[in-house]
Protein backbone atom coordinates (compact mmCIF):
# COMPACT_ATOMS: atom_id res chain seq x y z
CA UNK A 1 0.00 0.00 0.00
CA UNK A 2 1.18 3.49 -0.72
CA UNK A 3 0.77 6.47 1.62
CA UNK A 4 -2.39 7.66 -0.14
CA UNK A 5 -4.04 4.26 0.29
CA UNK A 6 -3.14 4.20 3.99
CA UNK A 7 -4.50 7.72 4.53
CA UNK A 8 -7.73 6.79 2.77
CA UNK A 9 -8.04 3.58 4.82
CA UNK A 10 -7.53 5.51 8.09
CA UNK A 11 -10.12 8.14 7.08
CA UNK A 12 -12.66 5.47 6.24
CA UNK A 13 -12.00 3.38 9.33
CA UNK A 14 -11.03 5.93 11.97
CA UNK A 15 -13.81 5.00 14.41
CA UNK A 16 -13.05 1.31 14.22
CA UNK A 17 -9.30 1.92 14.62
CA UNK A 18 -9.93 4.13 17.67
CA UNK A 19 -12.19 1.45 19.19
CA UNK A 20 -9.50 -1.19 18.67
CA UNK A 21 -6.80 1.03 20.20
CA UNK A 22 -9.02 1.91 23.17
CA UNK A 23 -9.85 -1.76 23.79
CA UNK A 24 -6.16 -2.67 23.56
CA UNK A 25 -5.21 0.08 26.02
CA UNK A 26 -7.90 -1.08 28.48
CA UNK A 27 -6.71 -4.67 28.18
CA UNK A 28 -3.08 -3.60 28.79
CA UNK A 29 -4.13 -1.58 31.84
CA UNK A 30 -6.11 -4.54 33.20
CA UNK A 31 -3.17 -6.89 32.63
CA UNK A 32 -0.77 -4.45 34.27
CA UNK A 33 -3.00 -4.13 37.34
CA UNK A 34 -3.28 -7.92 37.61
CA UNK A 35 0.50 -8.33 37.38
CA UNK A 36 1.03 -5.62 40.00
CA UNK A 37 -1.31 -7.50 42.34
CA UNK A 38 0.45 -10.81 41.79
CA UNK A 39 3.87 -9.22 42.30
CA UNK A 40 2.74 -7.44 45.48
CA UNK A 41 1.44 -10.73 46.85
CA UNK A 42 4.65 -12.60 46.09
CA UNK A 43 6.78 -9.88 47.67
CA UNK A 44 4.97 -9.92 51.03
CA UNK A 45 7.45 -10.83 53.77
CA UNK A 46 5.29 -13.63 55.18
CA UNK A 47 5.12 -15.28 51.76
CA UNK A 48 8.85 -14.82 51.15
CA UNK A 49 9.57 -16.50 54.50
CA UNK A 50 7.70 -19.60 53.35
CA UNK A 51 9.61 -19.74 50.06
CA UNK A 52 12.94 -19.25 51.84
CA UNK A 53 12.14 -21.95 54.37
CA UNK A 54 11.11 -24.28 51.57
CA UNK A 55 14.43 -23.60 49.86
CA UNK A 56 16.29 -24.42 53.05
CA UNK A 57 14.37 -27.69 53.32
CA UNK A 58 15.31 -28.57 49.75
CA UNK A 59 18.96 -27.85 50.53
CA UNK A 60 18.74 -29.99 53.67
CA UNK A 61 17.35 -32.82 51.58
CA UNK A 62 20.17 -32.47 49.07
CA UNK A 63 22.69 -32.43 51.91
CA UNK A 64 21.20 -35.64 53.34
CA UNK A 65 21.39 -37.21 49.90
CA UNK A 66 25.02 -36.14 49.50
CA UNK A 67 25.91 -37.75 52.83
CA UNK A 68 24.77 -41.05 51.38
CA UNK A 69 26.52 -40.98 48.02
CA UNK A 70 30.04 -42.25 47.63
CA UNK A 71 32.38 -39.25 47.79
CA UNK A 72 35.31 -38.16 49.87
CA UNK A 73 34.79 -36.83 53.38
CA UNK A 74 36.36 -33.57 52.23
CA UNK A 75 33.68 -33.13 49.55
CA UNK A 76 30.95 -33.98 52.04
CA UNK A 77 32.32 -31.35 54.44
CA UNK A 78 32.46 -28.73 51.65
CA UNK A 79 28.84 -29.47 50.71
CA UNK A 80 27.77 -29.19 54.35
CA UNK A 81 29.67 -25.91 54.81
CA UNK A 82 28.12 -24.44 51.64
CA UNK A 83 24.64 -25.34 52.88
CA UNK A 84 25.28 -23.90 56.35
CA UNK A 85 26.65 -20.65 54.90
CA UNK A 86 23.63 -20.32 52.64
CA UNK A 87 21.22 -20.97 55.50
CA UNK A 88 22.90 -18.34 57.70
CA UNK A 89 22.71 -15.75 54.92
CA UNK A 90 19.05 -16.54 54.18
CA UNK A 91 18.08 -16.42 57.83
CA UNK A 92 19.64 -12.96 58.06
CA UNK A 93 17.38 -11.90 55.22
CA UNK A 94 14.22 -12.90 57.10
CA UNK A 95 15.24 -11.99 60.67
CA UNK A 96 15.26 -8.28 61.45
CA UNK A 97 18.48 -6.98 62.98
CA UNK A 98 20.60 -9.95 61.93
CA UNK A 99 24.07 -9.08 60.65
CA UNK A 100 25.32 -10.98 57.65
CA UNK A 101 28.54 -12.90 58.13
CA UNK A 102 30.03 -11.27 55.06
CA UNK A 103 29.22 -9.29 51.96
CA UNK A 104 31.16 -11.71 49.81
CA UNK A 105 29.56 -14.05 47.35
CA UNK A 106 29.96 -17.73 48.01
CA UNK A 107 32.98 -19.27 46.38
CA UNK A 108 32.52 -21.87 43.72
CA UNK A 109 33.42 -25.31 44.99
CA UNK A 110 35.32 -27.31 42.39
CA UNK A 111 34.21 -30.92 42.17
CA UNK A 112 36.95 -33.27 41.15
């Protein structure tokens, strides 16, 4: 289509185009409000505590599994230490007034 055809199409269909744009804007606003509500719910501290505790439970399960697989005692100790460090850091996130042990990121543990 050339510019003249587009202009003619818009002139002939202006009302319909405006209705479509208005409906799209309303739908976007509705979707945005829904997403804001979902995000606000997920960010509530009491909900975050549950997710963090669930994560700690998963890590505890993995640690228990690692204790039962054949690997060196050194590797088992490193896995346990990594889990304990993570748990301490997470607990400081959900307990007011807790001081983190460090601001450093956890080191990568090389598995041989």
